[in-house]
Structure formats: C-alpha cells, structure tokens
Amino acid sequence: MRTQPRSRAHRQGFTLIELLVVMIIVAIGFLALRPGIAGVRRGVENRRALRQLVGLFTFARTEAIGGGKLVRVMCDPDAGTFWAEAQVDPAVDRSEFGVLRVLGRERIQLPADLQLTDMALAGQIVEDPAQSPIYFYPDGRVDGAVLLLVDAAGRELTLKLAPATGRVRLSA
C-alpha cells in the first residue's frame, strides 16, 4: 500500500513567506497609525493635567474654608507648574506661607504642549503671572481669576474662578 503525500490543502500551519507578509502588513499599519496614537496620548496627558489643575483650585478653596486660613495658588508659567500655599500661623505672621501637598504632590506640572498664555485677576490682565498669586479666603471667596491656556494645536482652554463662590469652570 502506497502512501500518497498530503495535498497542499491538507497541510497545517503557515509558510515563512506568509508569516513575513502578515508581519509587514501589521508594521505598515502600525506606522500609519502612530501619529494618531501620539495625538491621542497628548490629549490624554492634557486632560489629566487640566483635571489636576481644577483639583488644585478646588482643594485650595476647601483648605481655606476648612483651615480658616488664607490660601494662595502660585504659578511659574515658564516651567508650567502650579502649587498651593497656606498661611502657617496667621496670628503670628500673616506673610508666612507653607506649600501644601495636593493630590500627593507639591506641584502640578502642565505637559510641554499646554501653555499658560494669559491671566486676569479681578478683571485686570496680569503682566507677570509668577508674581500674581490667586488668593482663597476663609469665607469661601476667591480673587476672581481667568486663566487662558493654549495647546499645541492652538485650541484655547479657559479656566475661570467665580469670585463670590470660588467655583472652578473649565471651557474649551
């Protein structure tokens, strides 16, 4: 009895050439999608930073009311960082402030493609945001502030702090 070789249709597995063709197609697809994936990642980083910034302002207001102390939010626009400071002991020295830890860190860092371009306090444009803290008072008031941020695509994002309530609103 003679055994006949299996026909091509009955063979199991793939040839090396078939595997290489599939790998090339997958690599081309990955390279085509890569710029879109980077854009999505930047968008996620920007949204995370904006949520942290809103959390910083909300925390500063809560800390001012709960601690009965003046709290201020400072920024360094060149480095893209924001942080909160509270009065250490207002009865002893009203000008002494200590850095607060917010969300497990002392500073909120904006991604490189998200920049603070303008800031207004009480309706007045601020020339140097690094020298213009936003104050939160123990009674819940806040210096009315508007921060204008721009992302790498040129989209403007506005963060507003309502003076009477301290409510933080972010709009695109």
Protein backbone atom coordinates (compact mmCIF):
# COMPACT_ATOMS: atom_id res chain seq x y z
CA MET A 1 0.00 0.00 0.00
CA ARG A 2 1.43 3.24 -1.07
CA THR A 3 1.01 6.37 0.99
CA GLN A 4 0.20 9.43 -1.00
CA PRO A 5 1.73 12.75 0.06
CA ARG A 6 -0.73 15.12 1.62
CA SER A 7 -2.03 17.75 -0.71
CA ARG A 8 -1.39 21.42 -0.09
CA ALA A 9 -4.99 21.85 1.12
CA HIS A 10 -4.43 19.39 3.99
CA ARG A 11 -1.19 20.91 5.28
CA GLN A 12 -1.35 22.62 8.67
CA GLY A 13 0.41 25.89 9.57
CA PHE A 14 1.76 28.78 7.54
CA THR A 15 4.81 29.15 5.40
CA LEU A 16 7.57 31.55 6.32
CA ILE A 17 6.64 33.81 3.41
CA GLU A 18 3.02 34.01 4.55
CA LEU A 19 4.13 34.96 8.07
CA LEU A 20 6.52 37.64 6.73
CA VAL A 21 3.78 39.16 4.57
CA VAL A 22 1.44 39.40 7.56
CA MET A 23 4.18 40.95 9.72
CA ILE A 24 4.93 43.55 7.03
CA ILE A 25 1.25 44.45 6.75
CA VAL A 26 0.98 44.84 10.54
CA ALA A 27 4.14 47.01 10.64
CA ILE A 28 2.82 49.28 7.87
CA GLY A 29 -0.49 49.62 9.71
CA PHE A 30 1.29 50.49 12.95
CA LEU A 31 3.43 53.13 11.23
CA ALA A 32 0.35 54.64 9.60
CA LEU A 33 -1.49 54.87 12.94
CA ARG A 34 1.47 56.06 15.01
CA PRO A 35 0.91 59.84 14.58
CA GLY A 36 -2.72 59.42 15.59
CA ILE A 37 -1.73 57.41 18.66
CA ALA A 38 0.73 60.15 19.70
CA GLY A 39 -2.04 62.75 19.33
CA VAL A 40 -4.38 60.70 21.48
CA ARG A 41 -1.67 60.32 24.12
CA ARG A 42 -1.08 64.10 24.17
CA GLY A 43 -4.81 64.67 24.52
CA VAL A 44 -4.98 62.28 27.46
CA GLU A 45 -2.00 63.99 29.14
CA ASN A 46 -3.59 67.43 28.64
CA ARG A 47 -6.94 66.30 30.09
CA ARG A 48 -5.17 64.73 33.08
CA ALA A 49 -3.22 67.95 33.73
CA LEU A 50 -6.38 70.07 33.43
CA ARG A 51 -8.21 67.80 35.90
CA GLN A 52 -5.29 68.15 38.31
CA LEU A 53 -5.33 71.94 37.88
CA VAL A 54 -9.07 72.10 38.59
CA GLY A 55 -8.44 69.82 41.60
CA LEU A 56 -5.71 72.17 42.84
CA PHE A 57 -8.03 75.19 42.78
CA THR A 58 -10.87 73.24 44.37
CA PHE A 59 -8.54 71.93 47.08
CA ALA A 60 -7.18 75.43 47.77
CA ARG A 61 -10.70 76.76 48.35
CA THR A 62 -11.63 73.81 50.56
CA GLU A 63 -8.42 74.18 52.57
CA ALA A 64 -9.02 77.91 53.06
CA ILE A 65 -12.54 77.35 54.37
CA GLY A 66 -11.73 74.22 56.42
CA GLY A 67 -8.49 75.56 57.90
CA GLY A 68 -9.72 79.13 58.39
CA LYS A 69 -6.55 80.39 56.70
CA LEU A 70 -5.63 82.33 53.63
CA VAL A 71 -4.53 80.00 50.81
CA ARG A 72 -2.92 81.11 47.59
CA VAL A 73 -2.21 79.38 44.31
CA MET A 74 1.08 80.30 42.68
CA CYS A 75 2.34 79.55 39.20
CA ASP A 76 5.53 79.55 37.22
CA PRO A 77 4.37 79.92 33.61
CA ASP A 78 7.85 79.32 32.19
CA ALA A 79 8.10 75.92 33.90
CA GLY A 80 4.37 75.20 33.51
CA THR A 81 3.89 74.49 37.22
CA PHE A 82 1.21 75.42 39.75
CA TRP A 83 1.17 74.92 43.52
CA ALA A 84 -0.82 75.92 46.60
CA GLU A 85 0.45 77.57 49.78
CA ALA A 86 -1.39 78.20 53.06
CA GLN A 87 -0.65 80.64 55.85
CA VAL A 88 1.41 78.88 58.50
CA ASP A 89 0.13 80.81 61.53
CA PRO A 90 -1.86 83.97 60.73
CA ALA A 91 -1.83 85.04 64.39
CA VAL A 92 1.97 85.22 64.41
CA ASP A 93 2.96 86.19 60.86
CA ARG A 94 0.42 86.77 58.10
CA SER A 95 3.09 86.77 55.40
CA GLU A 96 4.49 83.29 56.11
CA PHE A 97 3.12 80.60 53.78
CA GLY A 98 3.91 76.90 53.52
CA VAL A 99 3.49 74.68 50.48
CA LEU A 100 0.53 72.28 50.56
CA ARG A 101 0.59 68.78 49.15
CA VAL A 102 -2.27 68.35 46.71
CA LEU A 103 -3.10 65.03 45.05
CA GLY A 104 0.04 63.56 46.60
CA ARG A 105 2.42 66.15 45.20
CA GLU A 106 3.55 69.69 45.88
CA ARG A 107 3.36 70.92 42.27
CA ILE A 108 1.10 70.31 39.29
CA GLN A 109 3.10 70.12 36.06
CA LEU A 110 1.47 71.00 32.75
CA PRO A 111 2.55 68.99 29.69
CA ALA A 112 5.01 70.78 27.39
CA ASP A 113 2.38 71.40 24.71
CA LEU A 114 -0.06 73.11 27.11
CA GLN A 115 0.94 76.69 27.92
CA LEU A 116 -0.50 79.42 30.16
CA THR A 117 -0.71 82.41 27.80
CA ASP A 118 -2.78 84.96 29.74
CA MET A 119 -4.13 85.50 33.23
CA ALA A 120 -6.58 88.04 34.63
CA LEU A 121 -7.31 88.79 38.29
CA ALA A 122 -10.40 90.77 39.26
CA GLY A 123 -10.89 91.68 35.61
CA GLN A 124 -7.38 93.05 35.11
CA ILE A 125 -4.82 91.40 32.81
CA VAL A 126 -1.77 90.30 34.79
CA GLU A 127 1.61 91.22 33.33
CA ASP A 128 3.59 88.63 35.30
CA PRO A 129 1.54 85.60 36.47
CA ALA A 130 4.53 84.37 38.50
CA GLN A 131 4.19 87.45 40.73
CA SER A 132 0.38 87.35 40.96
CA PRO A 133 -0.99 84.66 43.27
CA ILE A 134 -4.67 83.78 43.33
CA TYR A 135 -5.98 84.09 46.91
CA PHE A 136 -8.66 81.94 48.53
CA TYR A 137 -10.18 83.42 51.69
CA PRO A 138 -11.54 81.57 54.76
CA ASP A 139 -15.09 82.78 53.99
CA GLY A 140 -15.11 80.98 50.60
CA ARG A 141 -14.35 83.98 48.41
CA VAL A 142 -11.59 83.92 45.85
CA ASP A 143 -9.88 86.51 43.73
CA GLY A 144 -11.88 86.29 40.51
CA ALA A 145 -9.46 84.81 38.03
CA VAL A 146 -9.38 83.75 34.40
CA LEU A 147 -6.54 81.65 33.03
CA LEU A 148 -6.11 81.16 29.30
CA LEU A 149 -4.25 78.03 28.24
CA VAL A 150 -3.35 77.04 24.68
CA ASP A 151 -2.46 73.55 23.48
CA ALA A 152 -0.11 72.57 20.65
CA ALA A 153 -2.98 72.56 18.13
CA GLY A 154 -3.79 76.19 19.01
CA ARG A 155 -7.01 75.37 20.87
CA GLU A 156 -7.77 77.76 23.70
CA LEU A 157 -8.94 76.50 27.07
CA THR A 158 -10.29 78.86 29.69
CA LEU A 159 -10.28 78.20 33.41
CA LYS A 160 -12.50 80.60 35.38
CA LEU A 161 -12.80 81.06 39.14
CA ALA A 162 -16.03 82.74 40.25
CA PRO A 163 -15.19 85.48 42.81
CA ALA A 164 -18.15 85.01 45.15
CA THR A 165 -18.35 81.21 45.20
CA GLY A 166 -14.87 80.04 44.19
CA ARG A 167 -16.47 77.69 41.67
CA VAL A 168 -13.98 76.45 39.06
CA ARG A 169 -15.20 76.21 35.47
CA LEU A 170 -13.19 74.90 32.53
CA SER A 171 -14.29 75.58 28.98
CA ALA A 172 -12.81 74.90 25.57
